[in-house]
Amino acid sequence: MQTFYLGVAAFLLLTMVVGLIRIFRGPRQEDRLMAMQLFGTTGVAVLLLLAAAFDASSMRNAALIFAVLAVLAVAAYARGPNRREKEIK
């Protein structure tokens, strides 16, 4: 089962590389934000798979912290000063 977890984690890392392309080429800020959300979600999934493969509870804790930080990043973007100025105009 450990080999399966590591294989899925490797596949998810490949999807993160595709997301990296979107971050650099994204035409709008919203596209870049969605790619960064992909990084956060996929990073949490990779950490959880590695925690299951190696039976490491510290990786589970790190995954929980990354999940909370990803939510806070979106909230900060949505409430940021640039978004409020655009809504007023």
PDB file of N, CA and C in Angstrom:
ATOM      1  N   MET A   1       0.815  -1.193   0.000  1.00  0.00           N
ATOM      2  CA  MET A   1       0.000   0.000   0.000  1.00  0.00           C
ATOM      3  C   MET A   1       0.861   1.259   0.000  1.00  0.00           C
ATOM      4  N   GLN A   2       2.041   1.163   0.583  1.00  0.00           N
ATOM      5  CA  GLN A   2       2.932   2.316   0.634  1.00  0.00           C
ATOM      6  C   GLN A   2       3.331   2.746  -0.783  1.00  0.00           C
ATOM      7  N   THR A   3       3.539   1.792  -1.674  1.00  0.00           N
ATOM      8  CA  THR A   3       3.898   2.113  -3.057  1.00  0.00           C
ATOM      9  C   THR A   3       2.759   2.844  -3.759  1.00  0.00           C
ATOM     10  N   PHE A   4       1.532   2.430  -3.494  1.00  0.00           N
ATOM     11  CA  PHE A   4       0.374   3.106  -4.082  1.00  0.00           C
ATOM     12  C   PHE A   4       0.302   4.555  -3.616  1.00  0.00           C
ATOM     13  N   TYR A   5       0.467   4.780  -2.318  1.00  0.00           N
ATOM     14  CA  TYR A   5       0.425   6.142  -1.774  1.00  0.00           C
ATOM     15  C   TYR A   5       1.511   7.016  -2.403  1.00  0.00           C
ATOM     16  N   LEU A   6       2.700   6.469  -2.526  1.00  0.00           N
ATOM     17  CA  LEU A   6       3.792   7.239  -3.116  1.00  0.00           C
ATOM     18  C   LEU A   6       3.547   7.519  -4.598  1.00  0.00           C
ATOM     19  N   GLY A   7       2.945   6.580  -5.314  1.00  0.00           N
ATOM     20  CA  GLY A   7       2.615   6.801  -6.719  1.00  0.00           C
ATOM     21  C   GLY A   7       1.582   7.887  -6.909  1.00  0.00           C
ATOM     22  N   VAL A   8       0.549   7.868  -6.075  1.00  0.00           N
ATOM     23  CA  VAL A   8      -0.481   8.916  -6.158  1.00  0.00           C
ATOM     24  C   VAL A   8       0.115  10.270  -5.773  1.00  0.00           C
ATOM     25  N   ALA A   9       0.990  10.289  -4.785  1.00  0.00           N
ATOM     26  CA  ALA A   9       1.636  11.543  -4.388  1.00  0.00           C
ATOM     27  C   ALA A   9       2.488  12.089  -5.536  1.00  0.00           C
ATOM     28  N   ALA A  10       3.181  11.216  -6.252  1.00  0.00           N
ATOM     29  CA  ALA A  10       3.988  11.659  -7.394  1.00  0.00           C
ATOM     30  C   ALA A  10       3.093  12.225  -8.499  1.00  0.00           C
ATOM     31  N   PHE A  11       1.951  11.578  -8.744  1.00  0.00           N
ATOM     32  CA  PHE A  11       1.016  12.090  -9.753  1.00  0.00           C
ATOM     33  C   PHE A  11       0.490  13.467  -9.354  1.00  0.00           C
ATOM     34  N   LEU A  12       0.180  13.641  -8.089  1.00  0.00           N
ATOM     35  CA  LEU A  12      -0.311  14.938  -7.633  1.00  0.00           C
ATOM     36  C   LEU A  12       0.762  16.016  -7.765  1.00  0.00           C
ATOM     37  N   LEU A  13       2.004  15.644  -7.550  1.00  0.00           N
ATOM     38  CA  LEU A  13       3.082  16.614  -7.734  1.00  0.00           C
ATOM     39  C   LEU A  13       3.196  17.036  -9.196  1.00  0.00           C
ATOM     40  N   LEU A  14       2.913  16.119 -10.111  1.00  0.00           N
ATOM     41  CA  LEU A  14       2.909  16.480 -11.530  1.00  0.00           C
ATOM     42  C   LEU A  14       1.793  17.473 -11.846  1.00  0.00           C
ATOM     43  N   THR A  15       0.638  17.321 -11.204  1.00  0.00           N
ATOM     44  CA  THR A  15      -0.436  18.291 -11.424  1.00  0.00           C
ATOM     45  C   THR A  15      -0.057  19.660 -10.863  1.00  0.00           C
ATOM     46  N   MET A  16       0.770  19.671  -9.833  1.00  0.00           N
ATOM     47  CA  MET A  16       1.232  20.952  -9.304  1.00  0.00           C
ATOM     48  C   MET A  16       2.154  21.655 -10.301  1.00  0.00           C
ATOM     49  N   VAL A  17       2.914  20.898 -11.068  1.00  0.00           N
ATOM     50  CA  VAL A  17       3.766  21.495 -12.094  1.00  0.00           C
ATOM     51  C   VAL A  17       2.904  22.169 -13.161  1.00  0.00           C
ATOM     52  N   VAL A  18       1.800  21.540 -13.532  1.00  0.00           N
ATOM     53  CA  VAL A  18       0.881  22.153 -14.489  1.00  0.00           C
ATOM     54  C   VAL A  18       0.297  23.442 -13.901  1.00  0.00           C
ATOM     55  N   GLY A  19      -0.026  23.421 -12.615  1.00  0.00           N
ATOM     56  CA  GLY A  19      -0.523  24.629 -11.955  1.00  0.00           C
ATOM     57  C   GLY A  19       0.516  25.735 -11.920  1.00  0.00           C
ATOM     58  N   LEU A  20       1.781  25.369 -11.828  1.00  0.00           N
ATOM     59  CA  LEU A  20       2.857  26.355 -11.826  1.00  0.00           C
ATOM     60  C   LEU A  20       2.898  27.105 -13.154  1.00  0.00           C
ATOM     61  N   ILE A  21       2.607  26.397 -14.231  1.00  0.00           N
ATOM     62  CA  ILE A  21       2.545  27.050 -15.539  1.00  0.00           C
ATOM     63  C   ILE A  21       1.423  28.087 -15.544  1.00  0.00           C
ATOM     64  N   ARG A  22       0.285  27.748 -14.939  1.00  0.00           N
ATOM     65  CA  ARG A  22      -0.842  28.676 -14.895  1.00  0.00           C
ATOM     66  C   ARG A  22      -0.512  29.908 -14.051  1.00  0.00           C
ATOM     67  N   ILE A  23       0.262  29.731 -13.012  1.00  0.00           N
ATOM     68  CA  ILE A  23       0.632  30.878 -12.175  1.00  0.00           C
ATOM     69  C   ILE A  23       1.471  31.862 -12.977  1.00  0.00           C
ATOM     70  N   PHE A  24       2.412  31.359 -13.775  1.00  0.00           N
ATOM     71  CA  PHE A  24       3.273  32.256 -14.541  1.00  0.00           C
ATOM     72  C   PHE A  24       2.590  32.831 -15.773  1.00  0.00           C
ATOM     73  N   ARG A  25       1.650  32.090 -16.380  1.00  0.00           N
ATOM     74  CA  ARG A  25       1.036  32.545 -17.623  1.00  0.00           C
ATOM     75  C   ARG A  25      -0.381  33.074 -17.444  1.00  0.00           C
ATOM     76  N   GLY A  26      -0.931  32.974 -16.237  1.00  0.00           N
ATOM     77  CA  GLY A  26      -2.324  33.354 -16.021  1.00  0.00           C
ATOM     78  C   GLY A  26      -2.606  34.767 -16.473  1.00  0.00           C
ATOM     79  N   PRO A  27      -3.638  34.948 -17.291  1.00  0.00           N
ATOM     80  CA  PRO A  27      -3.898  36.305 -17.783  1.00  0.00           C
ATOM     81  C   PRO A  27      -4.447  37.239 -16.702  1.00  0.00           C
ATOM     82  N   ARG A  28      -5.127  36.693 -15.701  1.00  0.00           N
ATOM     83  CA  ARG A  28      -5.716  37.544 -14.663  1.00  0.00           C
ATOM     84  C   ARG A  28      -5.260  37.087 -13.287  1.00  0.00           C
ATOM     85  N   GLN A  29      -5.446  37.958 -12.319  1.00  0.00           N
ATOM     86  CA  GLN A  29      -5.096  37.627 -10.944  1.00  0.00           C
ATOM     87  C   GLN A  29      -5.948  36.478 -10.414  1.00  0.00           C
ATOM     88  N   GLU A  30      -7.196  36.413 -10.836  1.00  0.00           N
ATOM     89  CA  GLU A  30      -8.081  35.349 -10.365  1.00  0.00           C
ATOM     90  C   GLU A  30      -7.593  33.982 -10.823  1.00  0.00           C
ATOM     91  N   ASP A  31      -7.039  33.916 -12.043  1.00  0.00           N
ATOM     92  CA  ASP A  31      -6.486  32.656 -12.533  1.00  0.00           C
ATOM     93  C   ASP A  31      -5.289  32.225 -11.691  1.00  0.00           C
ATOM     94  N   ARG A  32      -4.487  33.192 -11.357  1.00  0.00           N
ATOM     95  CA  ARG A  32      -3.312  32.881 -10.526  1.00  0.00           C
ATOM     96  C   ARG A  32      -3.736  32.439  -9.129  1.00  0.00           C
ATOM     97  N   LEU A  33      -4.782  33.068  -8.607  1.00  0.00           N
ATOM     98  CA  LEU A  33      -5.273  32.680  -7.288  1.00  0.00           C
ATOM     99  C   LEU A  33      -5.800  31.249  -7.304  1.00  0.00           C
ATOM    100  N   MET A  34      -6.517  30.884  -8.350  1.00  0.00           N
ATOM    101  CA  MET A  34      -7.038  29.521  -8.438  1.00  0.00           C
ATOM    102  C   MET A  34      -5.906  28.507  -8.546  1.00  0.00           C
ATOM    103  N   ALA A  35      -4.848  28.856  -9.254  1.00  0.00           N
ATOM    104  CA  ALA A  35      -3.699  27.957  -9.339  1.00  0.00           C
ATOM    105  C   ALA A  35      -3.017  27.832  -7.980  1.00  0.00           C
ATOM    106  N   MET A  36      -2.983  28.916  -7.237  1.00  0.00           N
ATOM    107  CA  MET A  36      -2.392  28.837  -5.899  1.00  0.00           C
ATOM    108  C   MET A  36      -3.269  28.009  -4.972  1.00  0.00           C
ATOM    109  N   GLN A  37      -4.580  28.062  -5.158  1.00  0.00           N
ATOM    110  CA  GLN A  37      -5.475  27.193  -4.396  1.00  0.00           C
ATOM    111  C   GLN A  37      -5.227  25.730  -4.747  1.00  0.00           C
ATOM    112  N   LEU A  38      -4.942  25.475  -6.025  1.00  0.00           N
ATOM    113  CA  LEU A  38      -4.567  24.124  -6.442  1.00  0.00           C
ATOM    114  C   LEU A  38      -3.321  23.684  -5.695  1.00  0.00           C
ATOM    115  N   PHE A  39      -2.362  24.581  -5.553  1.00  0.00           N
ATOM    116  CA  PHE A  39      -1.148  24.249  -4.803  1.00  0.00           C
ATOM    117  C   PHE A  39      -1.477  23.903  -3.356  1.00  0.00           C
ATOM    118  N   GLY A  40      -2.332  24.712  -2.750  1.00  0.00           N
ATOM    119  CA  GLY A  40      -2.679  24.460  -1.351  1.00  0.00           C
ATOM    120  C   GLY A  40      -3.404  23.140  -1.165  1.00  0.00           C
ATOM    121  N   THR A  41      -4.392  22.887  -1.999  1.00  0.00           N
ATOM    122  CA  THR A  41      -5.180  21.661  -1.877  1.00  0.00           C
ATOM    123  C   THR A  41      -4.339  20.440  -2.196  1.00  0.00           C
ATOM    124  N   THR A  42      -3.571  20.519  -3.271  1.00  0.00           N
ATOM    125  CA  THR A  42      -2.741  19.383  -3.656  1.00  0.00           C
ATOM    126  C   THR A  42      -1.617  19.166  -2.648  1.00  0.00           C
ATOM    127  N   GLY A  43      -1.077  20.235  -2.120  1.00  0.00           N
ATOM    128  CA  GLY A  43      -0.039  20.094  -1.093  1.00  0.00           C
ATOM    129  C   GLY A  43      -0.553  19.391   0.147  1.00  0.00           C
ATOM    130  N   VAL A  44      -1.773  19.715   0.544  1.00  0.00           N
ATOM    131  CA  VAL A  44      -2.390  19.035   1.687  1.00  0.00           C
ATOM    132  C   VAL A  44      -2.582  17.554   1.373  1.00  0.00           C
ATOM    133  N   ALA A  45      -3.063  17.261   0.162  1.00  0.00           N
ATOM    134  CA  ALA A  45      -3.272  15.860  -0.229  1.00  0.00           C
ATOM    135  C   ALA A  45      -1.961  15.089  -0.260  1.00  0.00           C
ATOM    136  N   VAL A  46      -0.914  15.698  -0.785  1.00  0.00           N
ATOM    137  CA  VAL A  46       0.395  15.029  -0.836  1.00  0.00           C
ATOM    138  C   VAL A  46       0.907  14.768   0.573  1.00  0.00           C
ATOM    139  N   LEU A  47       0.776  15.755   1.446  1.00  0.00           N
ATOM    140  CA  LEU A  47       1.239  15.550   2.822  1.00  0.00           C
ATOM    141  C   LEU A  47       0.450  14.447   3.527  1.00  0.00           C
ATOM    142  N   LEU A  48      -0.849  14.385   3.282  1.00  0.00           N
ATOM    143  CA  LEU A  48      -1.650  13.329   3.903  1.00  0.00           C
ATOM    144  C   LEU A  48      -1.287  11.957   3.350  1.00  0.00           C
ATOM    145  N   LEU A  49      -1.008  11.874   2.056  1.00  0.00           N
ATOM    146  CA  LEU A  49      -0.579  10.596   1.479  1.00  0.00           C
ATOM    147  C   LEU A  49       0.780  10.162   2.031  1.00  0.00           C
ATOM    148  N   LEU A  50       1.689  11.109   2.145  1.00  0.00           N
ATOM    149  CA  LEU A  50       2.998  10.774   2.711  1.00  0.00           C
ATOM    150  C   LEU A  50       2.892  10.392   4.184  1.00  0.00           C
ATOM    151  N   ALA A  51       1.994  11.043   4.901  1.00  0.00           N
ATOM    152  CA  ALA A  51       1.787  10.689   6.307  1.00  0.00           C
ATOM    153  C   ALA A  51       1.245   9.273   6.436  1.00  0.00           C
ATOM    154  N   ALA A  52       0.353   8.884   5.523  1.00  0.00           N
ATOM    155  CA  ALA A  52      -0.180   7.530   5.551  1.00  0.00           C
ATOM    156  C   ALA A  52       0.887   6.519   5.132  1.00  0.00           C
ATOM    157  N   ALA A  53       1.713   6.891   4.154  1.00  0.00           N
ATOM    158  CA  ALA A  53       2.735   5.959   3.669  1.00  0.00           C
ATOM    159  C   ALA A  53       3.820   5.722   4.716  1.00  0.00           C
ATOM    160  N   PHE A  54       4.218   6.764   5.414  1.00  0.00           N
ATOM    161  CA  PHE A  54       5.313   6.646   6.379  1.00  0.00           C
ATOM    162  C   PHE A  54       4.855   6.631   7.827  1.00  0.00           C
ATOM    163  N   ASP A  55       3.553   6.676   8.038  1.00  0.00           N
ATOM    164  CA  ASP A  55       2.965   6.672   9.382  1.00  0.00           C
ATOM    165  C   ASP A  55       3.578   7.773  10.251  1.00  0.00           C
ATOM    166  N   ALA A  56       3.512   8.992   9.720  1.00  0.00           N
ATOM    167  CA  ALA A  56       4.100  10.143  10.399  1.00  0.00           C
ATOM    168  C   ALA A  56       2.993  11.138  10.757  1.00  0.00           C
ATOM    169  N   SER A  57       2.726  11.249  12.023  1.00  0.00           N
ATOM    170  CA  SER A  57       1.663  12.151  12.465  1.00  0.00           C
ATOM    171  C   SER A  57       2.060  13.625  12.303  1.00  0.00           C
ATOM    172  N   SER A  58       3.354  13.922  12.280  1.00  0.00           N
ATOM    173  CA  SER A  58       3.780  15.313  12.112  1.00  0.00           C
ATOM    174  C   SER A  58       3.394  15.843  10.732  1.00  0.00           C
ATOM    175  N   MET A  59       3.361  14.972   9.727  1.00  0.00           N
ATOM    176  CA  MET A  59       2.935  15.414   8.398  1.00  0.00           C
ATOM    177  C   MET A  59       1.436  15.695   8.369  1.00  0.00           C
ATOM    178  N   ARG A  60       0.676  14.981   9.165  1.00  0.00           N
ATOM    179  CA  ARG A  60      -0.764  15.274   9.262  1.00  0.00           C
ATOM    180  C   ARG A  60      -0.978  16.656   9.870  1.00  0.00           C
ATOM    181  N   ASN A  61      -0.198  16.961  10.887  1.00  0.00           N
ATOM    182  CA  ASN A  61      -0.309  18.283  11.510  1.00  0.00           C
ATOM    183  C   ASN A  61       0.073  19.393  10.535  1.00  0.00           C
ATOM    184  N   ALA A  62       1.121  19.171   9.758  1.00  0.00           N
ATOM    185  CA  ALA A  62       1.529  20.161   8.761  1.00  0.00           C
ATOM    186  C   ALA A  62       0.442  20.328   7.698  1.00  0.00           C
ATOM    187  N   ALA A  63      -0.218  19.242   7.312  1.00  0.00           N
ATOM    188  CA  ALA A  63      -1.301  19.314   6.325  1.00  0.00           C
ATOM    189  C   ALA A  63      -2.460  20.148   6.859  1.00  0.00           C
ATOM    190  N   LEU A  64      -2.785  20.003   8.123  1.00  0.00           N
ATOM    191  CA  LEU A  64      -3.853  20.804   8.712  1.00  0.00           C
ATOM    192  C   LEU A  64      -3.503  22.287   8.719  1.00  0.00           C
ATOM    193  N   ILE A  65      -2.264  22.592   9.013  1.00  0.00           N
ATOM    194  CA  ILE A  65      -1.831  23.987   9.026  1.00  0.00           C
ATOM    195  C   ILE A  65      -1.895  24.573   7.620  1.00  0.00           C
ATOM    196  N   PHE A  66      -1.454  23.811   6.619  1.00  0.00           N
ATOM    197  CA  PHE A  66      -1.518  24.295   5.236  1.00  0.00           C
ATOM    198  C   PHE A  66      -2.953  24.491   4.777  1.00  0.00           C
ATOM    199  N   ALA A  67      -3.857  23.639   5.226  1.00  0.00           N
ATOM    200  CA  ALA A  67      -5.272  23.787   4.846  1.00  0.00           C
ATOM    201  C   ALA A  67      -5.834  25.094   5.394  1.00  0.00           C
ATOM    202  N   VAL A  68      -5.501  25.418   6.629  1.00  0.00           N
ATOM    203  CA  VAL A  68      -5.972  26.676   7.220  1.00  0.00           C
ATOM    204  C   VAL A  68      -5.336  27.880   6.523  1.00  0.00           C
ATOM    205  N   LEU A  69      -4.057  27.789   6.202  1.00  0.00           N
ATOM    206  CA  LEU A  69      -3.390  28.900   5.518  1.00  0.00           C
ATOM    207  C   LEU A  69      -3.962  29.134   4.121  1.00  0.00           C
ATOM    208  N   ALA A  70      -4.361  28.073   3.444  1.00  0.00           N
ATOM    209  CA  ALA A  70      -4.942  28.230   2.107  1.00  0.00           C
ATOM    210  C   ALA A  70      -6.266  28.988   2.180  1.00  0.00           C
ATOM    211  N   VAL A  71      -7.070  28.686   3.179  1.00  0.00           N
ATOM    212  CA  VAL A  71      -8.341  29.391   3.347  1.00  0.00           C
ATOM    213  C   VAL A  71      -8.091  30.862   3.681  1.00  0.00           C
ATOM    214  N   LEU A  72      -7.120  31.113   4.534  1.00  0.00           N
ATOM    215  CA  LEU A  72      -6.811  32.496   4.898  1.00  0.00           C
ATOM    216  C   LEU A  72      -6.275  33.293   3.715  1.00  0.00           C
ATOM    217  N   ALA A  73      -5.541  32.645   2.824  1.00  0.00           N
ATOM    218  CA  ALA A  73      -5.017  33.344   1.645  1.00  0.00           C
ATOM    219  C   ALA A  73      -6.151  33.801   0.742  1.00  0.00           C
ATOM    220  N   VAL A  74      -7.149  32.961   0.553  1.00  0.00           N
ATOM    221  CA  VAL A  74      -8.288  33.346  -0.285  1.00  0.00           C
ATOM    222  C   VAL A  74      -9.084  34.464   0.387  1.00  0.00           C
ATOM    223  N   ALA A  75      -9.271  34.362   1.684  1.00  0.00           N
ATOM    224  CA  ALA A  75     -10.005  35.408   2.397  1.00  0.00           C
ATOM    225  C   ALA A  75      -9.254  36.737   2.328  1.00  0.00           C
ATOM    226  N   ALA A  76      -7.940  36.699   2.442  1.00  0.00           N
ATOM    227  CA  ALA A  76      -7.150  37.926   2.352  1.00  0.00           C
ATOM    228  C   ALA A  76      -7.235  38.529   0.954  1.00  0.00           C
ATOM    229  N   TYR A  77      -7.253  37.682  -0.064  1.00  0.00           N
ATOM    230  CA  TYR A  77      -7.373  38.188  -1.434  1.00  0.00           C
ATOM    231  C   TYR A  77      -8.742  38.818  -1.666  1.00  0.00           C
ATOM    232  N   ALA A  78      -9.769  38.165  -1.176  1.00  0.00           N
ATOM    233  CA  ALA A  78     -11.128  38.663  -1.387  1.00  0.00           C
ATOM    234  C   ALA A  78     -11.381  39.970  -0.645  1.00  0.00           C
ATOM    235  N   ARG A  79     -10.741  40.161   0.493  1.00  0.00           N
ATOM    236  CA  ARG A  79     -10.962  41.371   1.291  1.00  0.00           C
ATOM    237  C   ARG A  79      -9.846  42.393   1.117  1.00  0.00           C
ATOM    238  N   GLY A  80      -8.922  42.134   0.204  1.00  0.00           N
ATOM    239  CA  GLY A  80      -7.773  43.012   0.021  1.00  0.00           C
ATOM    240  C   GLY A  80      -8.142  44.383  -0.500  1.00  0.00           C
ATOM    241  N   PRO A  81      -7.219  45.334  -0.404  1.00  0.00           N
ATOM    242  CA  PRO A  81      -7.514  46.717  -0.812  1.00  0.00           C
ATOM    243  C   PRO A  81      -7.774  46.849  -2.312  1.00  0.00           C
ATOM    244  N   ASN A  82      -7.130  46.060  -3.147  1.00  0.00           N
ATOM    245  CA  ASN A  82      -7.350  46.162  -4.592  1.00  0.00           C
ATOM    246  C   ASN A  82      -8.770  45.746  -4.964  1.00  0.00           C
ATOM    247  N   ARG A  83      -9.304  44.756  -4.285  1.00  0.00           N
ATOM    248  CA  ARG A  83     -10.659  44.283  -4.601  1.00  0.00           C
ATOM    249  C   ARG A  83     -11.698  45.337  -4.209  1.00  0.00           C
ATOM    250  N   ARG A  84     -11.514  45.998  -3.077  1.00  0.00           N
ATOM    251  CA  ARG A  84     -12.477  46.994  -2.633  1.00  0.00           C
ATOM    252  C   ARG A  84     -12.487  48.208  -3.564  1.00  0.00           C
ATOM    253  N   GLU A  85     -11.332  48.622  -4.056  1.00  0.00           N
ATOM    254  CA  GLU A  85     -11.266  49.756  -4.968  1.00  0.00           C
ATOM    255  C   GLU A  85     -11.976  49.462  -6.269  1.00  0.00           C
ATOM    256  N   LYS A  86     -11.873  48.230  -6.769  1.00  0.00           N
ATOM    257  CA  LYS A  86     -12.528  47.854  -8.023  1.00  0.00           C
ATOM    258  C   LYS A  86     -14.042  47.828  -7.850  1.00  0.00           C
ATOM    259  N   GLU A  87     -14.513  47.395  -6.677  1.00  0.00           N
ATOM    260  CA  GLU A  87     -15.955  47.327  -6.441  1.00  0.00           C
ATOM    261  C   GLU A  87     -16.564  48.712  -6.341  1.00  0.00           C
ATOM    262  N   ILE A  88     -15.826  49.691  -5.834  1.00  0.00           N
ATOM    263  CA  ILE A  88     -16.345  51.043  -5.653  1.00  0.00           C
ATOM    264  C   ILE A  88     -16.509  51.738  -7.007  1.00  0.00           C
ATOM    265  N   LYS A  89     -15.586  51.486  -7.916  1.00  0.00           N
ATOM    266  CA  LYS A  89     -15.602  52.164  -9.235  1.00  0.00           C
ATOM    267  C   LYS A  89     -16.699  51.699 -10.112  1.00  0.00           C
TER     268      LYS A  89
END
